[in-house]
């Protein structure tokens, strides 16, 4: 089964690559989490919030700028992946 990092859409992967320039430790942890997981439901809460907090991800996930409550809805996360 494909891990979540492999399933990322190209634009989402590019955002993480760009993020790693400014936040290398956070990006490395996020990539590690995505590589170790194959189901969206298994992503740890802290990484869901981290992805939702990246300004570049918010339009892809269709989230309002300050609306973190919606960031936990699984259908918003699905928009980042080729599944």
N, C-alpha and C. Protein backbone atom coordinates (compact mmCIF):
# COMPACT_ATOMS: atom_id res chain seq x y z
N UNK A 1 0.83 -1.18 0.00
CA UNK A 1 0.00 0.00 0.00
C UNK A 1 0.89 1.25 0.00
N UNK A 2 0.47 2.24 -0.73
CA UNK A 2 1.20 3.50 -0.87
C UNK A 2 1.12 4.32 0.42
N UNK A 3 2.26 4.87 0.86
CA UNK A 3 2.20 5.73 2.04
C UNK A 3 1.68 7.11 1.65
N UNK A 4 1.34 7.91 2.65
CA UNK A 4 0.72 9.21 2.37
C UNK A 4 1.67 10.19 1.69
N UNK A 5 2.95 10.09 1.97
CA UNK A 5 3.89 10.99 1.30
C UNK A 5 3.92 10.71 -0.20
N UNK A 6 3.91 9.45 -0.58
CA UNK A 6 3.87 9.08 -2.00
C UNK A 6 2.57 9.50 -2.65
N UNK A 7 1.50 9.57 -1.87
CA UNK A 7 0.17 9.90 -2.40
C UNK A 7 -0.08 11.41 -2.49
N UNK A 8 0.83 12.22 -1.96
CA UNK A 8 0.64 13.68 -2.01
C UNK A 8 0.54 14.17 -3.46
N UNK A 9 -0.33 15.12 -3.67
CA UNK A 9 -0.39 15.78 -4.97
C UNK A 9 0.91 16.55 -5.17
N UNK A 10 1.35 16.71 -6.42
CA UNK A 10 2.62 17.42 -6.67
C UNK A 10 2.68 18.82 -6.06
N UNK A 11 1.58 19.55 -6.11
CA UNK A 11 1.59 20.91 -5.55
C UNK A 11 1.73 20.87 -4.02
N UNK A 12 1.18 19.85 -3.37
CA UNK A 12 1.31 19.71 -1.92
C UNK A 12 2.74 19.33 -1.56
N UNK A 13 3.35 18.48 -2.34
CA UNK A 13 4.74 18.09 -2.09
C UNK A 13 5.67 19.30 -2.25
N UNK A 14 5.39 20.13 -3.23
CA UNK A 14 6.20 21.34 -3.47
C UNK A 14 6.07 22.29 -2.27
N UNK A 15 4.88 22.40 -1.71
CA UNK A 15 4.68 23.26 -0.54
C UNK A 15 5.52 22.75 0.64
N UNK A 16 5.54 21.45 0.84
CA UNK A 16 6.34 20.88 1.92
C UNK A 16 7.83 21.10 1.65
N UNK A 17 8.25 20.96 0.40
CA UNK A 17 9.66 21.23 0.06
C UNK A 17 10.02 22.68 0.37
N UNK A 18 9.16 23.61 0.01
CA UNK A 18 9.39 25.03 0.30
C UNK A 18 9.38 25.29 1.81
N UNK A 19 8.50 24.63 2.51
CA UNK A 19 8.37 24.76 3.96
C UNK A 19 9.66 24.29 4.65
N UNK A 20 10.29 23.28 4.07
CA UNK A 20 11.50 22.72 4.68
C UNK A 20 12.67 23.69 4.66
N UNK A 21 12.63 24.69 3.80
CA UNK A 21 13.70 25.69 3.77
C UNK A 21 13.64 26.56 5.03
N UNK A 22 12.45 26.98 5.40
CA UNK A 22 12.29 27.83 6.59
C UNK A 22 12.18 27.03 7.88
N UNK A 23 11.59 25.86 7.81
CA UNK A 23 11.32 25.05 9.01
C UNK A 23 11.79 23.61 8.78
N UNK A 24 13.11 23.39 8.71
CA UNK A 24 13.61 22.06 8.36
C UNK A 24 13.23 20.96 9.35
N UNK A 25 13.25 21.24 10.63
CA UNK A 25 12.93 20.21 11.63
C UNK A 25 11.46 19.83 11.56
N UNK A 26 10.58 20.83 11.47
CA UNK A 26 9.15 20.56 11.37
C UNK A 26 8.81 19.80 10.09
N UNK A 27 9.42 20.22 8.99
CA UNK A 27 9.15 19.56 7.71
C UNK A 27 9.64 18.11 7.74
N UNK A 28 10.79 17.89 8.33
CA UNK A 28 11.32 16.52 8.42
C UNK A 28 10.39 15.63 9.24
N UNK A 29 9.87 16.15 10.34
CA UNK A 29 8.93 15.38 11.16
C UNK A 29 7.64 15.09 10.40
N UNK A 30 7.14 16.09 9.69
CA UNK A 30 5.92 15.91 8.90
C UNK A 30 6.11 14.86 7.82
N UNK A 31 7.22 14.93 7.10
CA UNK A 31 7.50 13.95 6.04
C UNK A 31 7.63 12.56 6.64
N UNK A 32 8.30 12.46 7.77
CA UNK A 32 8.45 11.16 8.44
C UNK A 32 7.09 10.58 8.81
N UNK A 33 6.20 11.43 9.33
CA UNK A 33 4.85 10.99 9.69
C UNK A 33 4.09 10.50 8.45
N UNK A 34 4.18 11.25 7.36
CA UNK A 34 3.46 10.88 6.14
C UNK A 34 4.02 9.61 5.52
N UNK A 35 5.32 9.42 5.64
CA UNK A 35 5.94 8.20 5.09
C UNK A 35 5.62 6.96 5.92
N UNK A 36 5.33 7.15 7.20
CA UNK A 36 5.06 6.01 8.07
C UNK A 36 3.57 5.66 8.15
N UNK A 37 2.76 6.40 7.42
CA UNK A 37 1.31 6.23 7.52
C UNK A 37 0.71 6.00 6.13
N UNK A 38 -0.26 5.12 6.06
CA UNK A 38 -0.92 4.88 4.77
C UNK A 38 -2.40 5.27 4.79
N UNK A 39 -2.92 5.59 5.97
CA UNK A 39 -4.32 5.99 6.09
C UNK A 39 -4.42 7.38 6.69
N UNK A 40 -5.29 8.21 6.14
CA UNK A 40 -5.46 9.56 6.65
C UNK A 40 -5.90 9.58 8.11
N UNK A 41 -6.70 8.62 8.50
CA UNK A 41 -7.19 8.56 9.87
C UNK A 41 -6.12 8.28 10.89
N UNK A 42 -4.92 7.87 10.43
CA UNK A 42 -3.82 7.55 11.34
C UNK A 42 -2.86 8.71 11.55
N UNK A 43 -3.06 9.83 10.86
CA UNK A 43 -2.17 10.98 11.04
C UNK A 43 -2.40 11.57 12.43
N UNK A 44 -1.31 11.86 13.12
CA UNK A 44 -1.41 12.45 14.45
C UNK A 44 -1.98 13.86 14.37
N UNK A 45 -2.71 14.23 15.39
CA UNK A 45 -3.38 15.51 15.48
C UNK A 45 -2.43 16.69 15.24
N UNK A 46 -1.24 16.61 15.81
CA UNK A 46 -0.29 17.72 15.68
C UNK A 46 0.10 17.97 14.22
N UNK A 47 0.15 16.92 13.41
CA UNK A 47 0.52 17.09 12.01
C UNK A 47 -0.66 17.60 11.18
N UNK A 48 -1.85 17.22 11.57
CA UNK A 48 -3.04 17.77 10.90
C UNK A 48 -3.07 19.28 11.11
N UNK A 49 -2.84 19.72 12.35
CA UNK A 49 -2.83 21.15 12.63
C UNK A 49 -1.67 21.86 11.94
N UNK A 50 -0.55 21.19 11.85
CA UNK A 50 0.60 21.79 11.16
C UNK A 50 0.29 22.02 9.68
N UNK A 51 -0.30 21.03 9.04
CA UNK A 51 -0.66 21.18 7.62
C UNK A 51 -1.72 22.25 7.44
N UNK A 52 -2.71 22.27 8.33
CA UNK A 52 -3.77 23.27 8.23
C UNK A 52 -3.24 24.67 8.52
N UNK A 53 -2.15 24.76 9.27
CA UNK A 53 -1.57 26.05 9.59
C UNK A 53 -0.66 26.62 8.51
N UNK A 54 -0.29 25.81 7.54
CA UNK A 54 0.55 26.31 6.44
C UNK A 54 -0.33 27.15 5.50
N UNK A 55 -0.02 28.41 5.36
CA UNK A 55 -0.87 29.28 4.52
C UNK A 55 -1.07 28.76 3.09
N UNK A 56 -0.06 28.10 2.55
CA UNK A 56 -0.16 27.60 1.18
C UNK A 56 -1.12 26.41 1.07
N UNK A 57 -1.27 25.64 2.15
CA UNK A 57 -2.18 24.49 2.14
C UNK A 57 -3.64 24.91 2.29
N UNK A 58 -3.86 26.01 2.97
CA UNK A 58 -5.24 26.39 3.31
C UNK A 58 -6.14 26.55 2.09
N UNK A 59 -5.70 27.18 0.99
CA UNK A 59 -6.59 27.26 -0.18
C UNK A 59 -6.87 25.88 -0.79
N UNK A 60 -5.87 25.01 -0.80
CA UNK A 60 -6.07 23.66 -1.36
C UNK A 60 -7.07 22.89 -0.51
N UNK A 61 -6.97 23.07 0.81
CA UNK A 61 -7.86 22.37 1.73
C UNK A 61 -9.20 23.09 1.89
N UNK A 62 -9.33 24.24 1.24
CA UNK A 62 -10.56 25.04 1.28
C UNK A 62 -10.91 25.46 2.72
N UNK A 63 -9.89 25.97 3.42
CA UNK A 63 -10.08 26.42 4.80
C UNK A 63 -10.01 27.93 4.86
N UNK A 64 -10.84 28.52 5.71
CA UNK A 64 -10.74 29.94 5.98
C UNK A 64 -9.43 30.20 6.72
N UNK A 65 -8.94 31.44 6.66
CA UNK A 65 -7.64 31.75 7.24
C UNK A 65 -7.55 31.43 8.73
N UNK A 66 -8.60 31.73 9.50
CA UNK A 66 -8.54 31.52 10.93
C UNK A 66 -9.42 30.37 11.43
N UNK A 67 -9.92 29.54 10.54
CA UNK A 67 -10.84 28.50 10.93
C UNK A 67 -10.13 27.16 11.10
N UNK A 68 -9.62 26.88 12.29
CA UNK A 68 -8.94 25.62 12.55
C UNK A 68 -9.91 24.49 12.89
N UNK A 69 -11.12 24.80 13.33
CA UNK A 69 -12.08 23.76 13.65
C UNK A 69 -12.39 22.89 12.44
N UNK A 70 -12.41 23.51 11.29
CA UNK A 70 -12.70 22.79 10.05
C UNK A 70 -11.51 21.96 9.58
N UNK A 71 -10.32 22.25 10.10
CA UNK A 71 -9.12 21.57 9.61
C UNK A 71 -9.11 20.08 9.94
N UNK A 72 -9.91 19.66 10.89
CA UNK A 72 -9.92 18.25 11.27
C UNK A 72 -10.90 17.42 10.44
N UNK A 73 -11.65 18.05 9.58
CA UNK A 73 -12.59 17.30 8.75
C UNK A 73 -11.79 16.53 7.69
N UNK A 74 -12.03 15.25 7.64
CA UNK A 74 -11.24 14.37 6.78
C UNK A 74 -11.35 14.73 5.30
N UNK A 75 -12.50 15.26 4.87
CA UNK A 75 -12.63 15.59 3.45
C UNK A 75 -11.71 16.73 3.05
N UNK A 76 -11.34 17.60 3.99
CA UNK A 76 -10.37 18.65 3.68
C UNK A 76 -8.98 18.09 3.48
N UNK A 77 -8.60 17.11 4.28
CA UNK A 77 -7.29 16.48 4.12
C UNK A 77 -7.19 15.71 2.81
N UNK A 78 -8.28 15.08 2.40
CA UNK A 78 -8.26 14.30 1.16
C UNK A 78 -7.84 15.15 -0.04
N UNK A 79 -8.08 16.45 0.02
CA UNK A 79 -7.76 17.33 -1.11
C UNK A 79 -6.27 17.45 -1.37
N UNK A 80 -5.44 17.03 -0.41
CA UNK A 80 -3.99 17.10 -0.57
C UNK A 80 -3.39 15.86 -1.22
N UNK A 81 -4.22 14.82 -1.39
CA UNK A 81 -3.69 13.53 -1.82
C UNK A 81 -4.36 13.03 -3.10
N UNK A 82 -3.60 12.22 -3.84
CA UNK A 82 -4.12 11.57 -5.05
C UNK A 82 -4.77 10.26 -4.65
N UNK A 83 -5.97 10.31 -4.17
CA UNK A 83 -6.69 9.08 -3.76
C UNK A 83 -8.12 9.19 -4.14
